[in-house]
Amino acid sequence: MTHPFANARSRNYHAALVSKMARVLGVDLTQARETRTLPDDQWRDAVLRCTQCAQPADCQTWLSDHDEPSSDPAHTPHAPGYCENRQFLKRLAQTQHDSDMSNL
C-alpha cells in the first residue's frame, strides 16, 4: 500500500530540486512570483515536469557540485541536459535579466 503522504513527499522533494536549480541558475523565484513572471500554474507544471525526470539522483549530485549561483553572470552554469525544466528556467532567467537591465 502506498503511504498517503508519498505523493506530497515526492512533490515537496521535486519542488526543492526545482528551487535549488533555479537559484543556481540565477533565477530569483521570489521575485518571479511577486512580479507574476512565474504564475502558480507554471510553477506547478515545473514541479510536475521534475517529478517525471528519470535522473533525480543525478540532479541532486549536480546541485551539490553547483551549490551557489555564480557572482559573474558570464559564468552562470546551464542546467544539465537531462533537466526537464532546462528550457523553462533558461527563459525565466532571461526574462529576469531583461527586466533587470530595463530597470537600470
Protein backbone atom coordinates (compact mmCIF):
# COMPACT_ATOMS: atom_id res chain seq x y z
CA MET A 1 0.00 0.00 0.00
CA THR A 2 1.26 3.45 -0.88
CA HIS A 3 1.74 5.78 2.05
CA PRO A 4 -0.90 8.56 1.91
CA PHE A 5 1.80 11.25 2.00
CA ALA A 6 4.06 9.66 -0.62
CA ASN A 7 2.80 11.92 -3.40
CA ALA A 8 3.09 15.04 -1.24
CA ARG A 9 6.58 13.98 -0.17
CA SER A 10 7.57 13.45 -3.80
CA ARG A 11 6.16 16.82 -4.83
CA ASN A 12 8.00 18.55 -1.99
CA TYR A 13 11.25 16.80 -2.92
CA HIS A 14 10.94 17.84 -6.56
CA ALA A 15 9.82 21.37 -5.65
CA ALA A 16 13.04 21.64 -3.64
CA LEU A 17 15.07 20.41 -6.63
CA VAL A 18 13.43 22.95 -8.94
CA SER A 19 14.01 25.71 -6.37
CA LYS A 20 17.67 24.80 -5.96
CA MET A 21 18.19 24.53 -9.71
CA ALA A 22 16.60 27.94 -10.21
CA ARG A 23 18.81 29.50 -7.53
CA VAL A 24 21.99 28.01 -9.02
CA LEU A 25 20.95 29.28 -12.45
CA GLY A 26 20.45 32.77 -11.04
CA VAL A 27 16.65 32.78 -11.10
CA ASP A 28 15.01 34.62 -8.21
CA LEU A 29 11.80 32.63 -7.70
CA THR A 30 10.50 35.05 -5.08
CA GLN A 31 10.83 37.95 -7.50
CA ALA A 32 9.31 35.86 -10.29
CA ARG A 33 6.28 35.03 -8.15
CA GLU A 34 5.87 38.62 -6.92
CA THR A 35 6.04 40.08 -10.43
CA ARG A 36 3.79 37.34 -11.82
CA THR A 37 6.57 36.30 -14.20
CA LEU A 38 6.00 32.87 -12.68
CA PRO A 39 2.26 32.25 -12.25
CA ASP A 40 1.11 29.44 -9.97
CA ASP A 41 0.18 27.15 -12.87
CA GLN A 42 3.67 27.45 -14.39
CA TRP A 43 5.26 26.65 -11.02
CA ARG A 44 3.05 23.56 -10.67
CA ASP A 45 3.94 22.50 -14.22
CA ALA A 46 7.66 22.88 -13.46
CA VAL A 47 7.38 20.71 -10.35
CA LEU A 48 5.31 18.15 -12.28
CA ARG A 49 7.93 18.02 -15.05
CA CYS A 50 10.58 17.45 -12.41
CA THR A 51 8.63 14.53 -10.91
CA GLN A 52 8.72 12.91 -14.35
CA CYS A 53 12.52 13.15 -14.61
CA ALA A 54 14.38 9.84 -14.77
CA GLN A 55 17.52 11.26 -13.13
CA PRO A 56 16.67 12.98 -9.83
CA ALA A 57 19.70 11.43 -8.09
CA ASP A 58 21.99 12.82 -10.81
CA CYS A 59 20.28 16.18 -10.40
CA GLN A 60 20.90 16.14 -6.67
CA THR A 61 24.58 15.37 -7.29
CA TRP A 62 24.83 18.13 -9.90
CA LEU A 63 23.22 20.59 -7.48
CA SER A 64 25.68 19.56 -4.76
CA ASP A 65 28.53 20.38 -7.13
CA HIS A 66 26.95 23.74 -8.06
CA ASP A 67 25.53 24.80 -4.72
CA GLU A 68 25.79 28.56 -5.20
CA PRO A 69 24.98 30.83 -8.12
CA SER A 70 27.95 32.44 -9.81
CA SER A 71 28.56 36.06 -8.91
CA ASP A 72 29.61 36.55 -12.54
CA PRO A 73 26.64 36.16 -14.92
CA ALA A 74 29.05 35.11 -17.67
CA HIS A 75 29.89 32.02 -15.60
CA THR A 76 26.37 31.05 -14.57
CA PRO A 77 26.02 27.34 -15.26
CA HIS A 78 23.39 25.86 -17.53
CA ALA A 79 21.06 23.16 -16.27
CA PRO A 80 22.19 19.67 -17.21
CA GLY A 81 20.87 18.29 -20.49
CA TYR A 82 18.57 15.81 -18.77
CA CYS A 83 16.78 18.53 -16.76
CA GLU A 84 13.10 18.57 -17.67
CA ASN A 85 12.99 22.28 -16.80
CA ARG A 86 16.14 23.33 -18.62
CA GLN A 87 14.43 25.49 -21.26
CA PHE A 88 11.80 26.81 -18.87
CA LEU A 89 14.41 28.00 -16.35
CA LYS A 90 16.56 29.43 -19.14
CA ARG A 91 13.60 31.52 -20.37
CA LEU A 92 12.76 32.62 -16.83
CA ALA A 93 16.38 33.67 -16.19
CA GLN A 94 16.44 35.60 -19.46
CA THR A 95 13.16 37.34 -18.63
CA GLN A 96 14.52 38.39 -15.24
CA HIS A 97 17.80 39.54 -16.76
CA ASP A 98 15.97 41.61 -19.39
CA SER A 99 13.75 43.14 -16.71
CA ASP A 100 16.74 43.96 -14.51
CA MET A 101 18.53 45.60 -17.44
CA SER A 102 15.49 47.74 -18.31
CA ASN A 103 15.34 48.99 -14.71
CA LEU A 104 18.88 50.39 -14.80
